[in-house]
Amino acid sequence: VPFQTMYKYILDELETAGNLLNGFTRSAKNLPNSAVV
């Protein structure tokens, strides 16, 4: 896919991840959290 399709997809993924992990307190730093996003 062209770069614009890929980077929009990545940013959409991160937006989704950030919403899902909002308020999540991880048990260890091998798990990503909202700061990692």
PDB file of all heavy atoms in Angstrom:
ATOM      1  N   VAL A   1       0.835  -1.201   0.000  1.00  0.00           N
ATOM      2  CA  VAL A   1       0.000   0.000   0.000  1.00  0.00           C
ATOM      3  C   VAL A   1       0.871   1.253   0.000  1.00  0.00           C
ATOM      4  O   VAL A   1       1.994   1.242   0.517  1.00  0.00           O
ATOM      5  CB  VAL A   1      -0.967   0.024   1.206  1.00  0.00           C
ATOM      6  CG1 VAL A   1      -1.891  -1.178   1.168  1.00  0.00           C
ATOM      7  CG2 VAL A   1      -0.202   0.082   2.523  1.00  0.00           C
ATOM      8  N   PRO A   2       0.363   2.365  -0.566  1.00  0.00           N
ATOM      9  CA  PRO A   2       1.131   3.609  -0.560  1.00  0.00           C
ATOM     10  C   PRO A   2       1.257   4.172   0.842  1.00  0.00           C
ATOM     11  O   PRO A   2       0.480   3.837   1.755  1.00  0.00           O
ATOM     12  CB  PRO A   2       0.312   4.528  -1.470  1.00  0.00           C
ATOM     13  CG  PRO A   2      -1.070   3.977  -1.439  1.00  0.00           C
ATOM     14  CD  PRO A   2      -0.913   2.497  -1.277  1.00  0.00           C
ATOM     15  N   PHE A   3       2.233   5.051   1.015  1.00  0.00           N
ATOM     16  CA  PHE A   3       2.552   5.543   2.359  1.00  0.00           C
ATOM     17  C   PHE A   3       1.351   6.188   3.040  1.00  0.00           C
ATOM     18  O   PHE A   3       1.153   6.023   4.242  1.00  0.00           O
ATOM     19  CB  PHE A   3       3.723   6.528   2.284  1.00  0.00           C
ATOM     20  CG  PHE A   3       3.336   7.924   1.889  1.00  0.00           C
ATOM     21  CD1 PHE A   3       2.991   8.866   2.843  1.00  0.00           C
ATOM     22  CD2 PHE A   3       3.280   8.301   0.552  1.00  0.00           C
ATOM     23  CE1 PHE A   3       2.613  10.159   2.482  1.00  0.00           C
ATOM     24  CE2 PHE A   3       2.902   9.577   0.190  1.00  0.00           C
ATOM     25  CZ  PHE A   3       2.564  10.512   1.158  1.00  0.00           C
ATOM     26  N   GLN A   4       0.525   6.929   2.287  1.00  0.00           N
ATOM     27  CA  GLN A   4      -0.578   7.629   2.947  1.00  0.00           C
ATOM     28  C   GLN A   4      -1.591   6.650   3.524  1.00  0.00           C
ATOM     29  O   GLN A   4      -2.155   6.883   4.615  1.00  0.00           O
ATOM     30  CB  GLN A   4      -1.253   8.611   1.981  1.00  0.00           C
ATOM     31  CG  GLN A   4      -1.998   8.003   0.810  1.00  0.00           C
ATOM     32  CD  GLN A   4      -1.116   7.815  -0.419  1.00  0.00           C
ATOM     33  OE1 GLN A   4       0.110   7.771  -0.300  1.00  0.00           O
ATOM     34  NE2 GLN A   4      -1.723   7.729  -1.596  1.00  0.00           N
ATOM     35  N   THR A   5      -1.809   5.549   2.834  1.00  0.00           N
ATOM     36  CA  THR A   5      -2.722   4.529   3.354  1.00  0.00           C
ATOM     37  C   THR A   5      -2.155   3.881   4.600  1.00  0.00           C
ATOM     38  O   THR A   5      -2.859   3.680   5.601  1.00  0.00           O
ATOM     39  CB  THR A   5      -2.980   3.452   2.282  1.00  0.00           C
ATOM     40  OG1 THR A   5      -3.521   4.079   1.118  1.00  0.00           O
ATOM     41  CG2 THR A   5      -3.938   2.382   2.786  1.00  0.00           C
ATOM     42  N   MET A   6      -0.872   3.548   4.545  1.00  0.00           N
ATOM     43  CA  MET A   6      -0.235   2.882   5.675  1.00  0.00           C
ATOM     44  C   MET A   6      -0.180   3.778   6.910  1.00  0.00           C
ATOM     45  O   MET A   6      -0.525   3.349   8.031  1.00  0.00           O
ATOM     46  CB  MET A   6       1.170   2.424   5.302  1.00  0.00           C
ATOM     47  CG  MET A   6       1.945   1.773   6.444  1.00  0.00           C
ATOM     48  SD  MET A   6       1.123   0.300   7.114  1.00  0.00           S
ATOM     49  CE  MET A   6       1.553  -0.897   5.852  1.00  0.00           C
ATOM     50  N   TYR A   7       0.232   5.028   6.738  1.00  0.00           N
ATOM     51  CA  TYR A   7       0.391   5.888   7.909  1.00  0.00           C
ATOM     52  C   TYR A   7      -0.957   6.291   8.500  1.00  0.00           C
ATOM     53  O   TYR A   7      -1.071   6.472   9.720  1.00  0.00           O
ATOM     54  CB  TYR A   7       1.264   7.100   7.583  1.00  0.00           C
ATOM     55  CG  TYR A   7       2.726   6.731   7.570  1.00  0.00           C
ATOM     56  CD1 TYR A   7       3.406   6.454   6.387  1.00  0.00           C
ATOM     57  CD2 TYR A   7       3.437   6.597   8.769  1.00  0.00           C
ATOM     58  CE1 TYR A   7       4.735   6.080   6.385  1.00  0.00           C
ATOM     59  CE2 TYR A   7       4.772   6.225   8.782  1.00  0.00           C
ATOM     60  CZ  TYR A   7       5.416   5.967   7.580  1.00  0.00           C
ATOM     61  OH  TYR A   7       6.729   5.582   7.600  1.00  0.00           O
ATOM     62  N   LYS A   8      -1.967   6.433   7.671  1.00  0.00           N
ATOM     63  CA  LYS A   8      -3.309   6.659   8.229  1.00  0.00           C
ATOM     64  C   LYS A   8      -3.744   5.441   9.041  1.00  0.00           C
ATOM     65  O   LYS A   8      -4.314   5.577  10.135  1.00  0.00           O
ATOM     66  CB  LYS A   8      -4.329   6.932   7.127  1.00  0.00           C
ATOM     67  CG  LYS A   8      -5.739   7.183   7.684  1.00  0.00           C
ATOM     68  CD  LYS A   8      -6.754   7.426   6.607  1.00  0.00           C
ATOM     69  CE  LYS A   8      -8.124   7.786   7.217  1.00  0.00           C
ATOM     70  NZ  LYS A   8      -8.654   6.741   8.109  1.00  0.00           N
ATOM     71  N   TYR A   9      -3.468   4.256   8.515  1.00  0.00           N
ATOM     72  CA  TYR A   9      -3.817   3.034   9.237  1.00  0.00           C
ATOM     73  C   TYR A   9      -3.097   2.984  10.587  1.00  0.00           C
ATOM     74  O   TYR A   9      -3.710   2.663  11.622  1.00  0.00           O
ATOM     75  CB  TYR A   9      -3.453   1.810   8.399  1.00  0.00           C
ATOM     76  CG  TYR A   9      -3.731   0.502   9.094  1.00  0.00           C
ATOM     77  CD1 TYR A   9      -4.995  -0.067   9.070  1.00  0.00           C
ATOM     78  CD2 TYR A   9      -2.726  -0.156   9.799  1.00  0.00           C
ATOM     79  CE1 TYR A   9      -5.256  -1.260   9.726  1.00  0.00           C
ATOM     80  CE2 TYR A   9      -2.973  -1.348  10.456  1.00  0.00           C
ATOM     81  CZ  TYR A   9      -4.241  -1.906  10.417  1.00  0.00           C
ATOM     82  OH  TYR A   9      -4.494  -3.076  11.075  1.00  0.00           O
ATOM     83  N   ILE A  10      -1.810   3.286  10.605  1.00  0.00           N
ATOM     84  CA  ILE A  10      -1.034   3.248  11.845  1.00  0.00           C
ATOM     85  C   ILE A  10      -1.601   4.244  12.855  1.00  0.00           C
ATOM     86  O   ILE A  10      -1.783   3.925  14.040  1.00  0.00           O
ATOM     87  CB  ILE A  10       0.454   3.552  11.559  1.00  0.00           C
ATOM     88  CG1 ILE A  10       1.081   2.410  10.756  1.00  0.00           C
ATOM     89  CG2 ILE A  10       1.222   3.779  12.859  1.00  0.00           C
ATOM     90  CD1 ILE A  10       2.434   2.746  10.169  1.00  0.00           C
ATOM     91  N   LEU A  11      -1.881   5.459  12.403  1.00  0.00           N
ATOM     92  CA  LEU A  11      -2.423   6.471  13.306  1.00  0.00           C
ATOM     93  C   LEU A  11      -3.805   6.087  13.814  1.00  0.00           C
ATOM     94  O   LEU A  11      -4.134   6.315  14.989  1.00  0.00           O
ATOM     95  CB  LEU A  11      -2.467   7.823  12.599  1.00  0.00           C
ATOM     96  CG  LEU A  11      -1.089   8.465  12.349  1.00  0.00           C
ATOM     97  CD1 LEU A  11      -1.202   9.622  11.372  1.00  0.00           C
ATOM     98  CD2 LEU A  11      -0.464   8.930  13.668  1.00  0.00           C
ATOM     99  N   ASP A  12      -4.624   5.491  12.962  1.00  0.00           N
ATOM    100  CA  ASP A  12      -5.941   5.009  13.398  1.00  0.00           C
ATOM    101  C   ASP A  12      -5.789   3.902  14.441  1.00  0.00           C
ATOM    102  O   ASP A  12      -6.534   3.848  15.432  1.00  0.00           O
ATOM    103  CB  ASP A  12      -6.752   4.499  12.208  1.00  0.00           C
ATOM    104  CG  ASP A  12      -7.232   5.614  11.295  1.00  0.00           C
ATOM    105  OD1 ASP A  12      -7.159   6.797  11.698  1.00  0.00           O
ATOM    106  OD2 ASP A  12      -7.674   5.307  10.169  1.00  0.00           O
ATOM    107  N   GLU A  13      -4.827   3.001  14.209  1.00  0.00           N
ATOM    108  CA  GLU A  13      -4.562   1.929  15.177  1.00  0.00           C
ATOM    109  C   GLU A  13      -4.164   2.502  16.533  1.00  0.00           C
ATOM    110  O   GLU A  13      -4.619   2.035  17.591  1.00  0.00           O
ATOM    111  CB  GLU A  13      -3.432   1.029  14.667  1.00  0.00           C
ATOM    112  CG  GLU A  13      -3.845  -0.017  13.666  1.00  0.00           C
ATOM    113  CD  GLU A  13      -4.677  -1.108  14.307  1.00  0.00           C
ATOM    114  OE1 GLU A  13      -4.110  -2.019  14.928  1.00  0.00           O
ATOM    115  OE2 GLU A  13      -5.916  -1.035  14.209  1.00  0.00           O
ATOM    116  N   LEU A  14      -3.321   3.510  16.503  1.00  0.00           N
ATOM    117  CA  LEU A  14      -2.856   4.108  17.751  1.00  0.00           C
ATOM    118  C   LEU A  14      -3.973   4.867  18.452  1.00  0.00           C
ATOM    119  O   LEU A  14      -4.041   4.876  19.688  1.00  0.00           O
ATOM    120  CB  LEU A  14      -1.662   5.023  17.478  1.00  0.00           C
ATOM    121  CG  LEU A  14      -0.386   4.294  17.053  1.00  0.00           C
ATOM    122  CD1 LEU A  14       0.687   5.285  16.625  1.00  0.00           C
ATOM    123  CD2 LEU A  14       0.139   3.402  18.179  1.00  0.00           C
ATOM    124  N   GLU A  15      -4.836   5.497  17.680  1.00  0.00           N
ATOM    125  CA  GLU A  15      -5.974   6.182  18.283  1.00  0.00           C
ATOM    126  C   GLU A  15      -6.891   5.166  18.976  1.00  0.00           C
ATOM    127  O   GLU A  15      -7.344   5.389  20.106  1.00  0.00           O
ATOM    128  CB  GLU A  15      -6.742   6.953  17.214  1.00  0.00           C
ATOM    129  CG  GLU A  15      -7.763   7.936  17.760  1.00  0.00           C
ATOM    130  CD  GLU A  15      -7.130   9.072  18.546  1.00  0.00           C
ATOM    131  OE1 GLU A  15      -5.953   9.390  18.304  1.00  0.00           O
ATOM    132  OE2 GLU A  15      -7.815   9.635  19.414  1.00  0.00           O
ATOM    133  N   THR A  16      -7.142   4.067  18.289  1.00  0.00           N
ATOM    134  CA  THR A  16      -7.950   3.001  18.886  1.00  0.00           C
ATOM    135  C   THR A  16      -7.291   2.446  20.138  1.00  0.00           C
ATOM    136  O   THR A  16      -7.935   2.259  21.181  1.00  0.00           O
ATOM    137  CB  THR A  16      -8.167   1.867  17.866  1.00  0.00           C
ATOM    138  OG1 THR A  16      -8.863   2.369  16.732  1.00  0.00           O
ATOM    139  CG2 THR A  16      -8.951   0.717  18.476  1.00  0.00           C
ATOM    140  N   ALA A  17      -5.991   2.181  20.052  1.00  0.00           N
ATOM    141  CA  ALA A  17      -5.254   1.635  21.197  1.00  0.00           C
ATOM    142  C   ALA A  17      -5.293   2.592  22.374  1.00  0.00           C
ATOM    143  O   ALA A  17      -5.482   2.177  23.528  1.00  0.00           O
ATOM    144  CB  ALA A  17      -3.809   1.352  20.794  1.00  0.00           C
ATOM    145  N   GLY A  18      -5.108   3.888  22.105  1.00  0.00           N
ATOM    146  CA  GLY A  18      -5.124   4.868  23.179  1.00  0.00           C
ATOM    147  C   GLY A  18      -6.455   4.911  23.904  1.00  0.00           C
ATOM    148  O   GLY A  18      -6.506   5.006  25.144  1.00  0.00           O
ATOM    149  N   ASN A  19      -7.538   4.832  23.147  1.00  0.00           N
ATOM    150  CA  ASN A  19      -8.872   4.825  23.763  1.00  0.00           C
ATOM    151  C   ASN A  19      -9.090   3.574  24.599  1.00  0.00           C
ATOM    152  O   ASN A  19      -9.661   3.629  25.698  1.00  0.00           O
ATOM    153  CB  ASN A  19      -9.943   4.926  22.680  1.00  0.00           C
ATOM    154  CG  ASN A  19      -9.955   6.287  21.996  1.00  0.00           C
ATOM    155  OD1 ASN A  19      -9.556   7.297  22.588  1.00  0.00           O
ATOM    156  ND2 ASN A  19     -10.392   6.322  20.752  1.00  0.00           N
ATOM    157  N   LEU A  20      -8.648   2.442  24.094  1.00  0.00           N
ATOM    158  CA  LEU A  20      -8.842   1.178  24.806  1.00  0.00           C
ATOM    159  C   LEU A  20      -8.001   1.103  26.079  1.00  0.00           C
ATOM    160  O   LEU A  20      -8.418   0.499  27.075  1.00  0.00           O
ATOM    161  CB  LEU A  20      -8.499   0.005  23.895  1.00  0.00           C
ATOM    162  CG  LEU A  20      -9.469  -0.261  22.744  1.00  0.00           C
ATOM    163  CD1 LEU A  20      -8.838  -1.215  21.727  1.00  0.00           C
ATOM    164  CD2 LEU A  20     -10.781  -0.853  23.274  1.00  0.00           C
ATOM    165  N   LEU A  21      -6.829   1.706  26.051  1.00  0.00           N
ATOM    166  CA  LEU A  21      -5.915   1.611  27.190  1.00  0.00           C
ATOM    167  C   LEU A  21      -6.042   2.787  28.146  1.00  0.00           C
ATOM    168  O   LEU A  21      -5.312   2.845  29.140  1.00  0.00           O
ATOM    169  CB  LEU A  21      -4.470   1.501  26.687  1.00  0.00           C
ATOM    170  CG  LEU A  21      -4.121   0.225  25.912  1.00  0.00           C
ATOM    171  CD1 LEU A  21      -2.692   0.295  25.388  1.00  0.00           C
ATOM    172  CD2 LEU A  21      -4.311  -1.014  26.775  1.00  0.00           C
ATOM    173  N   ASN A  22      -6.934   3.691  27.861  1.00  0.00           N
ATOM    174  CA  ASN A  22      -7.132   4.841  28.744  1.00  0.00           C
ATOM    175  C   ASN A  22      -7.539   4.365  30.137  1.00  0.00           C
ATOM    176  O   ASN A  22      -8.541   3.655  30.309  1.00  0.00           O
ATOM    177  CB  ASN A  22      -8.205   5.762  28.166  1.00  0.00           C
ATOM    178  CG  ASN A  22      -8.360   7.029  28.981  1.00  0.00           C
ATOM    179  OD1 ASN A  22      -7.395   7.536  29.560  1.00  0.00           O
ATOM    180  ND2 ASN A  22      -9.572   7.547  29.040  1.00  0.00           N
ATOM    181  N   GLY A  23      -6.734   4.724  31.120  1.00  0.00           N
ATOM    182  CA  GLY A  23      -7.020   4.310  32.493  1.00  0.00           C
ATOM    183  C   GLY A  23      -6.476   2.949  32.874  1.00  0.00           C
ATOM    184  O   GLY A  23      -6.591   2.538  34.029  1.00  0.00           O
ATOM    185  N   PHE A  24      -5.875   2.255  31.931  1.00  0.00           N
ATOM    186  CA  PHE A  24      -5.335   0.918  32.194  1.00  0.00           C
ATOM    187  C   PHE A  24      -4.039   1.014  32.993  1.00  0.00           C
ATOM    188  O   PHE A  24      -3.112   1.737  32.618  1.00  0.00           O
ATOM    189  CB  PHE A  24      -5.097   0.196  30.869  1.00  0.00           C
ATOM    190  CG  PHE A  24      -4.176  -0.995  30.945  1.00  0.00           C
ATOM    191  CD1 PHE A  24      -4.429  -2.041  31.812  1.00  0.00           C
ATOM    192  CD2 PHE A  24      -3.054  -1.074  30.130  1.00  0.00           C
ATOM    193  CE1 PHE A  24      -3.587  -3.146  31.879  1.00  0.00           C
ATOM    194  CE2 PHE A  24      -2.204  -2.167  30.175  1.00  0.00           C
ATOM    195  CZ  PHE A  24      -2.474  -3.209  31.056  1.00  0.00           C
ATOM    196  N   THR A  25      -3.974   0.306  34.105  1.00  0.00           N
ATOM    197  CA  THR A  25      -2.750   0.220  34.904  1.00  0.00           C
ATOM    198  C   THR A  25      -2.136  -1.148  34.660  1.00  0.00           C
ATOM    199  O   THR A  25      -2.711  -2.174  35.030  1.00  0.00           O
ATOM    200  CB  THR A  25      -3.056   0.399  36.400  1.00  0.00           C
ATOM    201  OG1 THR A  25      -3.666   1.676  36.605  1.00  0.00           O
ATOM    202  CG2 THR A  25      -1.768   0.321  37.216  1.00  0.00           C
ATOM    203  N   ARG A  26      -1.000  -1.174  34.048  1.00  0.00           N
ATOM    204  CA  ARG A  26      -0.387  -2.446  33.653  1.00  0.00           C
ATOM    205  C   ARG A  26       0.333  -3.099  34.825  1.00  0.00           C
ATOM    206  O   ARG A  26       0.770  -2.436  35.766  1.00  0.00           O
ATOM    207  CB  ARG A  26       0.587  -2.221  32.499  1.00  0.00           C
ATOM    208  CG  ARG A  26       1.703  -1.237  32.798  1.00  0.00           C
ATOM    209  CD  ARG A  26       2.501  -0.884  31.565  1.00  0.00           C
ATOM    210  NE  ARG A  26       3.516   0.135  31.847  1.00  0.00           N
ATOM    211  CZ  ARG A  26       4.351   0.631  30.945  1.00  0.00           C
ATOM    212  NH1 ARG A  26       4.287   0.206  29.696  1.00  0.00           N
ATOM    213  NH2 ARG A  26       5.225   1.552  31.277  1.00  0.00           N
ATOM    214  N   SER A  27       0.463  -4.404  34.729  1.00  0.00           N
ATOM    215  CA  SER A  27       1.134  -5.171  35.775  1.00  0.00           C
ATOM    216  C   SER A  27       2.646  -5.155  35.616  1.00  0.00           C
ATOM    217  O   SER A  27       3.379  -5.377  36.577  1.00  0.00           O
ATOM    218  CB  SER A  27       0.635  -6.620  35.764  1.00  0.00           C
ATOM    219  OG  SER A  27       0.849  -7.212  34.479  1.00  0.00           O
ATOM    220  N   ALA A  28       3.124  -4.914  34.400  1.00  0.00           N
ATOM    221  CA  ALA A  28       4.565  -4.868  34.136  1.00  0.00           C
ATOM    222  C   ALA A  28       4.792  -4.057  32.869  1.00  0.00           C
ATOM    223  O   ALA A  28       3.889  -3.895  32.042  1.00  0.00           O
ATOM    224  CB  ALA A  28       5.128  -6.278  33.972  1.00  0.00           C
ATOM    225  N   LYS A  29       6.011  -3.560  32.701  1.00  0.00           N
ATOM    226  CA  LYS A  29       6.299  -2.658  31.585  1.00  0.00           C
ATOM    227  C   LYS A  29       6.534  -3.373  30.256  1.00  0.00           C
ATOM    228  O   LYS A  29       6.878  -2.731  29.266  1.00  0.00           O
ATOM    229  CB  LYS A  29       7.484  -1.759  31.928  1.00  0.00           C
ATOM    230  CG  LYS A  29       7.148  -0.700  32.954  1.00  0.00           C
ATOM    231  CD  LYS A  29       8.210   0.387  33.048  1.00  0.00           C
ATOM    232  CE  LYS A  29       9.440  -0.052  33.754  1.00  0.00           C
ATOM    233  NZ  LYS A  29      10.404   1.055  33.979  1.00  0.00           N
ATOM    234  N   ASN A  30       6.341  -4.680  30.207  1.00  0.00           N
ATOM    235  CA  ASN A  30       6.363  -5.341  28.905  1.00  0.00           C
ATOM    236  C   ASN A  30       5.022  -5.191  28.192  1.00  0.00           C
ATOM    237  O   ASN A  30       4.904  -5.502  27.007  1.00  0.00           O
ATOM    238  CB  ASN A  30       6.744  -6.815  29.031  1.00  0.00           C
ATOM    239  CG  ASN A  30       5.727  -7.629  29.813  1.00  0.00           C
ATOM    240  OD1 ASN A  30       5.044  -7.116  30.694  1.00  0.00           O
ATOM    241  ND2 ASN A  30       5.639  -8.901  29.491  1.00  0.00           N
ATOM    242  N   LEU A  31       4.004  -4.707  28.906  1.00  0.00           N
ATOM    243  CA  LEU A  31       2.709  -4.396  28.315  1.00  0.00           C
ATOM    244  C   LEU A  31       2.676  -2.910  27.977  1.00  0.00           C
ATOM    245  O   LEU A  31       3.051  -2.077  28.814  1.00  0.00           O
ATOM    246  CB  LEU A  31       1.575  -4.729  29.283  1.00  0.00           C
ATOM    247  CG  LEU A  31       1.386  -6.204  29.643  1.00  0.00           C
ATOM    248  CD1 LEU A  31       0.347  -6.338  30.754  1.00  0.00           C
ATOM    249  CD2 LEU A  31       0.962  -7.014  28.419  1.00  0.00           C
ATOM    250  N   PRO A  32       2.213  -2.544  26.790  1.00  0.00           N
ATOM    251  CA  PRO A  32       2.105  -1.121  26.468  1.00  0.00           C
ATOM    252  C   PRO A  32       0.955  -0.477  27.230  1.00  0.00           C
ATOM    253  O   PRO A  32       0.005  -1.153  27.624  1.00  0.00           O
ATOM    254  CB  PRO A  32       1.833  -1.131  24.957  1.00  0.00           C
ATOM    255  CG  PRO A  32       1.170  -2.443  24.697  1.00  0.00           C
ATOM    256  CD  PRO A  32       1.795  -3.412  25.668  1.00  0.00           C
ATOM    257  N   ASN A  33       1.050   0.824  27.452  1.00  0.00           N
ATOM    258  CA  ASN A  33      -0.043   1.581  28.052  1.00  0.00           C
ATOM    259  C   ASN A  33      -0.245   2.869  27.262  1.00  0.00           C
ATOM    260  O   ASN A  33       0.331   3.041  26.181  1.00  0.00           O
ATOM    261  CB  ASN A  33       0.234   1.852  29.537  1.00  0.00           C
ATOM    262  CG  ASN A  33       1.480   2.695  29.757  1.00  0.00           C
ATOM    263  OD1 ASN A  33       2.114   3.148  28.805  1.00  0.00           O
ATOM    264  ND2 ASN A  33       1.835   2.904  31.008  1.00  0.00           N
ATOM    265  N   SER A  34      -1.057   3.778  27.771  1.00  0.00           N
ATOM    266  CA  SER A  34      -1.375   4.982  27.014  1.00  0.00           C
ATOM    267  C   SER A  34      -0.143   5.860  26.786  1.00  0.00           C
ATOM    268  O   SER A  34      -0.048   6.558  25.769  1.00  0.00           O
ATOM    269  CB  SER A  34      -2.465   5.785  27.730  1.00  0.00           C
ATOM    270  OG  SER A  34      -2.082   6.094  29.059  1.00  0.00           O
ATOM    271  N   ALA A  35       0.821   5.840  27.706  1.00  0.00           N
ATOM    272  CA  ALA A  35       2.051   6.609  27.508  1.00  0.00           C
ATOM    273  C   ALA A  35       2.859   6.053  26.344  1.00  0.00           C
ATOM    274  O   ALA A  35       3.436   6.806  25.543  1.00  0.00           O
ATOM    275  CB  ALA A  35       2.892   6.597  28.788  1.00  0.00           C
ATOM    276  N   VAL A  36       2.906   4.735  26.227  1.00  0.00           N
ATOM    277  CA  VAL A  36       3.596   4.099  25.106  1.00  0.00           C
ATOM    278  C   VAL A  36       2.903   4.445  23.791  1.00  0.00           C
ATOM    279  O   VAL A  36       3.563   4.734  22.778  1.00  0.00           O
ATOM    280  CB  VAL A  36       3.654   2.573  25.294  1.00  0.00           C
ATOM    281  CG1 VAL A  36       4.133   1.873  24.021  1.00  0.00           C
ATOM    282  CG2 VAL A  36       4.553   2.223  26.472  1.00  0.00           C
ATOM    283  N   VAL A  37       1.583   4.448  23.801  1.00  0.00           N
ATOM    284  CA  VAL A  37       0.831   4.820  22.603  1.00  0.00           C
ATOM    285  C   VAL A  37       1.181   6.244  22.188  1.00  0.00           C
ATOM    286  O   VAL A  37       1.407   6.524  21.005  1.00  0.00           O
ATOM    287  CB  VAL A  37      -0.686   4.685  22.845  1.00  0.00           C
ATOM    288  CG1 VAL A  37      -1.476   5.274  21.680  1.00  0.00           C
ATOM    289  CG2 VAL A  37      -1.059   3.218  23.048  1.00  0.00           C
TER     290      VAL A  37
END
